[in-house]
Amino acid sequence: MEQKIHQGRNVKRFREMLNIKQEALAYDLGEDWNQKKISMLEQKDVIEDNLLKQISAVLKIPIEAFQNFDEEQAINIISNSFDNGAIGYQKNDNCTFNTIDKIVQLYDEKIALYERMLKEKDEMMMRLERLITK
């Protein structure tokens, strides 16, 4: 038995993930929208494509996310990917760079920055002295 994607519930999930209230979404959708209308929209199984396009533009989420997102599949993928016995699980505790070299590199960059700042300060002082002596 194939489970249908509940587009209204997906709109609600993404809206909540973005921490957007129903009133704010209604305001962004236009004058004929209000909180109650958004609440009713989020209860619909299927939402019209043109309305999904508007919501997609307001929330800056691809329309396919509302049409295809299935929470059970996502949970299944996550639980299978991040379990210790899963095939797709990888644990990488090894650092991919030498930390001492990175510290030396940052120190050298800091010294170069200080030298540039001192040079700019000296140039500014010379300009100010020229202005004063005129």
N, C-alpha and C. Protein backbone atom coordinates (compact mmCIF):
# COMPACT_ATOMS: atom_id res chain seq x y z
N MET A 1 0.85 -1.19 0.00
CA MET A 1 0.00 0.00 0.00
C MET A 1 0.89 1.24 0.00
N GLU A 2 0.72 2.07 -1.00
CA GLU A 2 1.54 3.27 -1.11
C GLU A 2 0.94 4.39 -0.29
N GLN A 3 1.77 5.03 0.50
CA GLN A 3 1.31 6.13 1.34
C GLN A 3 1.40 7.44 0.57
N LYS A 4 0.34 8.24 0.64
CA LYS A 4 0.33 9.52 -0.06
C LYS A 4 1.09 10.57 0.75
N ILE A 5 1.69 11.48 0.03
CA ILE A 5 2.39 12.61 0.66
C ILE A 5 1.34 13.64 1.06
N HIS A 6 1.37 14.08 2.30
CA HIS A 6 0.43 15.09 2.79
C HIS A 6 1.10 16.46 2.62
N GLN A 7 0.75 17.15 1.54
CA GLN A 7 1.42 18.41 1.20
C GLN A 7 1.16 19.50 2.24
N GLY A 8 -0.03 19.56 2.79
CA GLY A 8 -0.33 20.57 3.81
C GLY A 8 0.53 20.38 5.05
N ARG A 9 0.71 19.13 5.45
CA ARG A 9 1.56 18.85 6.61
C ARG A 9 3.01 19.22 6.31
N ASN A 10 3.42 19.00 5.06
CA ASN A 10 4.79 19.38 4.68
C ASN A 10 4.97 20.89 4.72
N VAL A 11 3.96 21.64 4.28
CA VAL A 11 4.03 23.10 4.37
C VAL A 11 4.20 23.50 5.83
N LYS A 12 3.41 22.87 6.71
CA LYS A 12 3.50 23.19 8.14
C LYS A 12 4.88 22.85 8.69
N ARG A 13 5.42 21.67 8.33
CA ARG A 13 6.74 21.27 8.84
C ARG A 13 7.82 22.27 8.44
N PHE A 14 7.85 22.61 7.14
CA PHE A 14 8.88 23.54 6.68
C PHE A 14 8.68 24.93 7.27
N ARG A 15 7.43 25.37 7.42
CA ARG A 15 7.16 26.67 8.03
C ARG A 15 7.67 26.68 9.47
N GLU A 16 7.42 25.62 10.21
CA GLU A 16 7.88 25.54 11.60
C GLU A 16 9.39 25.44 11.68
N MET A 17 10.02 24.70 10.74
CA MET A 17 11.48 24.61 10.75
C MET A 17 12.11 25.98 10.53
N LEU A 18 11.44 26.82 9.73
CA LEU A 18 11.94 28.17 9.47
C LEU A 18 11.52 29.16 10.55
N ASN A 19 10.77 28.66 11.54
CA ASN A 19 10.31 29.48 12.66
C ASN A 19 9.45 30.65 12.17
N ILE A 20 8.53 30.34 11.26
CA ILE A 20 7.62 31.34 10.71
C ILE A 20 6.22 31.03 11.22
N LYS A 21 5.56 32.02 11.77
CA LYS A 21 4.20 31.85 12.28
C LYS A 21 3.21 31.85 11.12
N GLN A 22 2.03 31.27 11.37
CA GLN A 22 0.99 31.24 10.34
C GLN A 22 0.61 32.65 9.91
N GLU A 23 0.54 33.59 10.86
CA GLU A 23 0.18 34.97 10.53
C GLU A 23 1.20 35.59 9.58
N ALA A 24 2.48 35.31 9.81
CA ALA A 24 3.53 35.87 8.96
C ALA A 24 3.45 35.31 7.55
N LEU A 25 3.19 34.01 7.44
CA LEU A 25 3.05 33.39 6.12
C LEU A 25 1.84 33.97 5.41
N ALA A 26 0.74 34.16 6.14
CA ALA A 26 -0.47 34.75 5.55
C ALA A 26 -0.18 36.16 5.04
N TYR A 27 0.54 36.93 5.82
CA TYR A 27 0.88 38.30 5.41
C TYR A 27 1.70 38.29 4.13
N ASP A 28 2.66 37.37 4.05
CA ASP A 28 3.53 37.29 2.87
C ASP A 28 2.78 36.81 1.63
N LEU A 29 1.72 36.01 1.82
CA LEU A 29 0.97 35.48 0.68
C LEU A 29 -0.01 36.50 0.11
N GLY A 30 -0.37 37.51 0.87
CA GLY A 30 -1.23 38.55 0.32
C GLY A 30 -2.39 38.91 1.23
N GLU A 31 -3.15 39.91 0.78
CA GLU A 31 -4.23 40.48 1.61
C GLU A 31 -5.37 39.51 1.86
N ASP A 32 -5.65 38.60 0.92
CA ASP A 32 -6.78 37.70 1.09
C ASP A 32 -6.45 36.49 1.97
N TRP A 33 -5.27 36.47 2.59
CA TRP A 33 -4.86 35.38 3.46
C TRP A 33 -4.90 35.81 4.91
N ASN A 34 -5.22 34.86 5.80
CA ASN A 34 -5.16 35.10 7.25
C ASN A 34 -4.71 33.82 7.93
N GLN A 35 -4.57 33.86 9.23
CA GLN A 35 -4.06 32.72 10.00
C GLN A 35 -4.98 31.51 9.86
N LYS A 36 -6.28 31.74 9.90
CA LYS A 36 -7.23 30.63 9.82
C LYS A 36 -7.14 29.94 8.46
N LYS A 37 -6.96 30.72 7.41
CA LYS A 37 -6.87 30.16 6.06
C LYS A 37 -5.59 29.32 5.91
N ILE A 38 -4.50 29.78 6.54
CA ILE A 38 -3.24 29.02 6.53
C ILE A 38 -3.43 27.71 7.29
N SER A 39 -4.13 27.77 8.42
CA SER A 39 -4.39 26.57 9.21
C SER A 39 -5.18 25.55 8.39
N MET A 40 -6.19 26.01 7.66
CA MET A 40 -6.98 25.12 6.81
C MET A 40 -6.13 24.56 5.66
N LEU A 41 -5.25 25.39 5.11
CA LEU A 41 -4.36 24.97 4.03
C LEU A 41 -3.45 23.83 4.51
N GLU A 42 -2.94 23.94 5.73
CA GLU A 42 -2.02 22.95 6.27
C GLU A 42 -2.71 21.61 6.57
N GLN A 43 -4.03 21.58 6.53
CA GLN A 43 -4.77 20.34 6.75
C GLN A 43 -5.08 19.62 5.44
N LYS A 44 -4.85 20.28 4.30
CA LYS A 44 -5.16 19.69 3.01
C LYS A 44 -4.13 18.61 2.64
N ASP A 45 -4.63 17.53 2.04
CA ASP A 45 -3.73 16.49 1.54
C ASP A 45 -2.98 16.97 0.31
N VAL A 46 -3.71 17.59 -0.61
CA VAL A 46 -3.12 18.06 -1.87
C VAL A 46 -3.41 19.55 -2.02
N ILE A 47 -2.38 20.30 -2.38
CA ILE A 47 -2.50 21.75 -2.57
C ILE A 47 -2.29 22.04 -4.05
N GLU A 48 -3.07 22.98 -4.58
CA GLU A 48 -2.97 23.33 -5.99
C GLU A 48 -1.56 23.80 -6.32
N ASP A 49 -1.12 23.49 -7.55
CA ASP A 49 0.25 23.81 -7.96
C ASP A 49 0.56 25.30 -7.91
N ASN A 50 -0.38 26.14 -8.36
CA ASN A 50 -0.10 27.58 -8.36
C ASN A 50 0.04 28.11 -6.94
N LEU A 51 -0.73 27.57 -6.01
CA LEU A 51 -0.61 27.98 -4.60
C LEU A 51 0.70 27.46 -4.01
N LEU A 52 1.08 26.23 -4.36
CA LEU A 52 2.36 25.70 -3.89
C LEU A 52 3.52 26.54 -4.41
N LYS A 53 3.41 27.04 -5.64
CA LYS A 53 4.46 27.91 -6.19
C LYS A 53 4.58 29.19 -5.38
N GLN A 54 3.44 29.78 -4.98
CA GLN A 54 3.47 30.98 -4.15
C GLN A 54 4.13 30.70 -2.81
N ILE A 55 3.72 29.61 -2.17
CA ILE A 55 4.28 29.25 -0.86
C ILE A 55 5.77 28.97 -1.00
N SER A 56 6.14 28.29 -2.08
CA SER A 56 7.54 27.97 -2.35
C SER A 56 8.37 29.24 -2.47
N ALA A 57 7.82 30.23 -3.17
CA ALA A 57 8.54 31.50 -3.34
C ALA A 57 8.68 32.24 -2.02
N VAL A 58 7.62 32.23 -1.20
CA VAL A 58 7.65 32.94 0.08
C VAL A 58 8.63 32.28 1.05
N LEU A 59 8.58 30.94 1.15
CA LEU A 59 9.44 30.23 2.09
C LEU A 59 10.84 29.95 1.53
N LYS A 60 11.02 30.20 0.21
CA LYS A 60 12.30 29.95 -0.46
C LYS A 60 12.70 28.48 -0.35
N ILE A 61 11.71 27.61 -0.59
CA ILE A 61 11.91 26.16 -0.56
C ILE A 61 11.40 25.63 -1.90
N PRO A 62 12.13 24.72 -2.53
CA PRO A 62 11.66 24.19 -3.82
C PRO A 62 10.29 23.53 -3.70
N ILE A 63 9.49 23.69 -4.71
CA ILE A 63 8.13 23.14 -4.72
C ILE A 63 8.15 21.62 -4.56
N GLU A 64 9.21 20.98 -5.07
CA GLU A 64 9.33 19.52 -4.97
C GLU A 64 9.41 19.07 -3.52
N ALA A 65 9.94 19.91 -2.65
CA ALA A 65 10.04 19.53 -1.23
C ALA A 65 8.66 19.32 -0.63
N PHE A 66 7.70 20.17 -1.00
CA PHE A 66 6.35 20.02 -0.48
C PHE A 66 5.66 18.81 -1.11
N GLN A 67 5.98 18.53 -2.35
CA GLN A 67 5.31 17.46 -3.08
C GLN A 67 5.89 16.08 -2.76
N ASN A 68 7.16 16.00 -2.38
CA ASN A 68 7.82 14.70 -2.25
C ASN A 68 8.29 14.34 -0.85
N PHE A 69 8.30 15.27 0.09
CA PHE A 69 8.86 14.99 1.41
C PHE A 69 7.96 14.03 2.18
N ASP A 70 8.54 12.94 2.64
CA ASP A 70 7.82 11.95 3.45
C ASP A 70 8.62 11.73 4.73
N GLU A 71 8.03 12.10 5.84
CA GLU A 71 8.75 12.05 7.12
C GLU A 71 9.18 10.63 7.48
N GLU A 72 8.34 9.65 7.22
CA GLU A 72 8.69 8.27 7.56
C GLU A 72 9.91 7.80 6.77
N GLN A 73 9.96 8.16 5.48
CA GLN A 73 11.12 7.78 4.68
C GLN A 73 12.37 8.49 5.17
N ALA A 74 12.23 9.75 5.54
CA ALA A 74 13.39 10.51 6.04
C ALA A 74 13.92 9.90 7.32
N ILE A 75 13.01 9.55 8.23
CA ILE A 75 13.42 8.94 9.50
C ILE A 75 14.08 7.59 9.23
N ASN A 76 13.53 6.83 8.29
CA ASN A 76 14.09 5.54 7.95
C ASN A 76 15.50 5.69 7.39
N ILE A 77 15.69 6.65 6.51
CA ILE A 77 17.01 6.89 5.93
C ILE A 77 18.00 7.32 7.02
N ILE A 78 17.58 8.23 7.88
CA ILE A 78 18.46 8.71 8.94
C ILE A 78 18.82 7.58 9.90
N SER A 79 17.83 6.80 10.31
CA SER A 79 18.12 5.73 11.28
C SER A 79 19.02 4.66 10.66
N ASN A 80 18.87 4.40 9.36
CA ASN A 80 19.73 3.40 8.72
C ASN A 80 21.12 3.95 8.42
N SER A 81 21.24 5.25 8.25
CA SER A 81 22.53 5.84 7.89
C SER A 81 23.42 6.11 9.10
N PHE A 82 22.81 6.37 10.25
CA PHE A 82 23.60 6.79 11.40
C PHE A 82 23.57 5.81 12.56
N ASP A 83 23.23 4.58 12.28
CA ASP A 83 23.27 3.54 13.29
C ASP A 83 24.63 2.85 13.22
N ASN A 84 25.11 2.36 14.35
CA ASN A 84 26.44 1.73 14.37
C ASN A 84 26.54 0.52 13.46
N GLY A 85 25.44 -0.19 13.25
CA GLY A 85 25.49 -1.37 12.41
C GLY A 85 25.16 -1.11 10.95
N ALA A 86 24.89 0.13 10.59
CA ALA A 86 24.46 0.45 9.23
C ALA A 86 25.63 0.41 8.26
N ILE A 87 25.32 0.10 7.03
CA ILE A 87 26.35 0.02 5.99
C ILE A 87 26.87 1.41 5.65
N GLY A 88 25.98 2.40 5.61
CA GLY A 88 26.38 3.75 5.20
C GLY A 88 27.05 4.56 6.29
N TYR A 89 27.21 3.99 7.46
CA TYR A 89 27.78 4.73 8.58
C TYR A 89 29.30 4.79 8.47
N GLN A 90 29.84 5.98 8.60
CA GLN A 90 31.30 6.14 8.59
C GLN A 90 31.69 7.02 9.76
N LYS A 91 32.69 6.57 10.47
CA LYS A 91 33.20 7.35 11.60
C LYS A 91 34.60 7.80 11.24
N ASN A 92 34.82 9.10 11.26
CA ASN A 92 36.13 9.62 10.87
C ASN A 92 36.66 10.48 12.01
N ASP A 93 37.49 9.89 12.84
CA ASP A 93 38.08 10.62 13.96
C ASP A 93 39.44 11.20 13.62
N ASN A 94 39.94 10.92 12.43
CA ASN A 94 41.27 11.38 12.05
C ASN A 94 41.21 12.80 11.50
N CYS A 95 42.09 13.61 11.99
CA CYS A 95 42.18 14.98 11.51
C CYS A 95 42.83 14.96 10.13
N THR A 96 42.30 15.76 9.21
CA THR A 96 42.80 15.71 7.83
C THR A 96 43.91 16.73 7.58
N PHE A 97 44.32 17.47 8.61
CA PHE A 97 45.41 18.43 8.46
C PHE A 97 46.26 18.42 9.72
N ASN A 98 47.48 18.89 9.58
CA ASN A 98 48.40 18.94 10.71
C ASN A 98 48.08 20.20 11.51
N THR A 99 47.70 20.02 12.77
CA THR A 99 47.27 21.17 13.58
C THR A 99 48.42 22.14 13.84
N ILE A 100 49.62 21.65 14.04
CA ILE A 100 50.77 22.54 14.28
C ILE A 100 51.02 23.42 13.05
N ASP A 101 50.97 22.81 11.87
CA ASP A 101 51.15 23.61 10.65
C ASP A 101 50.08 24.68 10.53
N LYS A 102 48.85 24.35 10.90
CA LYS A 102 47.75 25.30 10.82
C LYS A 102 47.99 26.46 11.80
N ILE A 103 48.47 26.16 12.99
CA ILE A 103 48.75 27.21 13.98
C ILE A 103 49.86 28.12 13.48
N VAL A 104 50.92 27.54 12.92
CA VAL A 104 52.03 28.33 12.36
C VAL A 104 51.52 29.21 11.23
N GLN A 105 50.67 28.67 10.37
CA GLN A 105 50.12 29.43 9.26
C GLN A 105 49.31 30.63 9.78
N LEU A 106 48.47 30.41 10.79
CA LEU A 106 47.69 31.50 11.36
C LEU A 106 48.59 32.55 12.00
N TYR A 107 49.64 32.12 12.66
CA TYR A 107 50.59 33.05 13.28
C TYR A 107 51.25 33.91 12.20
N ASP A 108 51.70 33.28 11.11
CA ASP A 108 52.33 34.03 10.02
C ASP A 108 51.36 35.03 9.41
N GLU A 109 50.10 34.64 9.24
CA GLU A 109 49.10 35.56 8.71
C GLU A 109 48.89 36.74 9.64
N LYS A 110 48.90 36.47 10.95
CA LYS A 110 48.72 37.54 11.93
C LYS A 110 49.90 38.52 11.88
N ILE A 111 51.10 38.01 11.77
CA ILE A 111 52.28 38.87 11.69
C ILE A 111 52.21 39.74 10.42
N ALA A 112 51.83 39.14 9.29
CA ALA A 112 51.72 39.88 8.04
C ALA A 112 50.67 40.98 8.16
N LEU A 113 49.56 40.68 8.83
CA LEU A 113 48.51 41.68 9.03
C LEU A 113 49.03 42.84 9.88
N TYR A 114 49.73 42.54 10.98
CA TYR A 114 50.30 43.60 11.83
C TYR A 114 51.28 44.47 11.04
N GLU A 115 52.11 43.85 10.21
CA GLU A 115 53.07 44.61 9.42
C GLU A 115 52.35 45.53 8.43
N ARG A 116 51.29 45.05 7.80
CA ARG A 116 50.52 45.90 6.89
C ARG A 116 49.88 47.06 7.65
N MET A 117 49.37 46.77 8.85
CA MET A 117 48.74 47.83 9.64
C MET A 117 49.77 48.89 10.04
N LEU A 118 50.97 48.46 10.44
CA LEU A 118 52.01 49.41 10.80
C LEU A 118 52.43 50.26 9.60
N LYS A 119 52.54 49.64 8.43
CA LYS A 119 52.90 50.37 7.22
C LYS A 119 51.84 51.41 6.89
N GLU A 120 50.57 51.04 6.99
CA GLU A 120 49.48 51.99 6.73
C GLU A 120 49.50 53.12 7.74
N LYS A 121 49.80 52.80 9.01
CA LYS A 121 49.87 53.84 10.05
C LYS A 121 50.99 54.82 9.74
N ASP A 122 52.16 54.31 9.33
CA ASP A 122 53.29 55.17 8.99
C ASP A 122 52.95 56.07 7.81
N GLU A 123 52.28 55.51 6.78
CA GLU A 123 51.89 56.32 5.63
C GLU A 123 50.91 57.40 6.03
N MET A 124 49.97 57.09 6.91
CA MET A 124 49.00 58.07 7.37
C MET A 124 49.68 59.17 8.17
N MET A 125 50.66 58.79 8.99
CA MET A 125 51.39 59.80 9.77
C MET A 125 52.15 60.75 8.85
N MET A 126 52.76 60.19 7.79
CA MET A 126 53.50 61.03 6.86
C MET A 126 52.55 61.99 6.15
N ARG A 127 51.37 61.52 5.76
CA ARG A 127 50.39 62.41 5.12
C ARG A 127 49.95 63.51 6.06
N LEU A 128 49.72 63.15 7.32
CA LEU A 128 49.30 64.16 8.29
C LEU A 128 50.40 65.20 8.53
N GLU A 129 51.65 64.75 8.60
CA GLU A 129 52.76 65.69 8.79
C GLU A 129 52.86 66.65 7.62
N ARG A 130 52.66 66.12 6.39
CA ARG A 130 52.70 66.99 5.22
C ARG A 130 51.58 68.02 5.26
N LEU A 131 50.41 67.60 5.70
CA LEU A 131 49.29 68.54 5.79
C LEU A 131 49.57 69.63 6.84
N ILE A 132 50.19 69.26 7.93
CA ILE A 132 50.46 70.21 9.01
C ILE A 132 51.54 71.21 8.56
N THR A 133 52.54 70.76 7.86
CA THR A 133 53.64 71.64 7.47
C THR A 133 53.28 72.59 6.33
N LYS A 134 52.20 72.38 5.64
CA LYS A 134 51.81 73.27 4.53
C LYS A 134 51.37 74.60 5.00
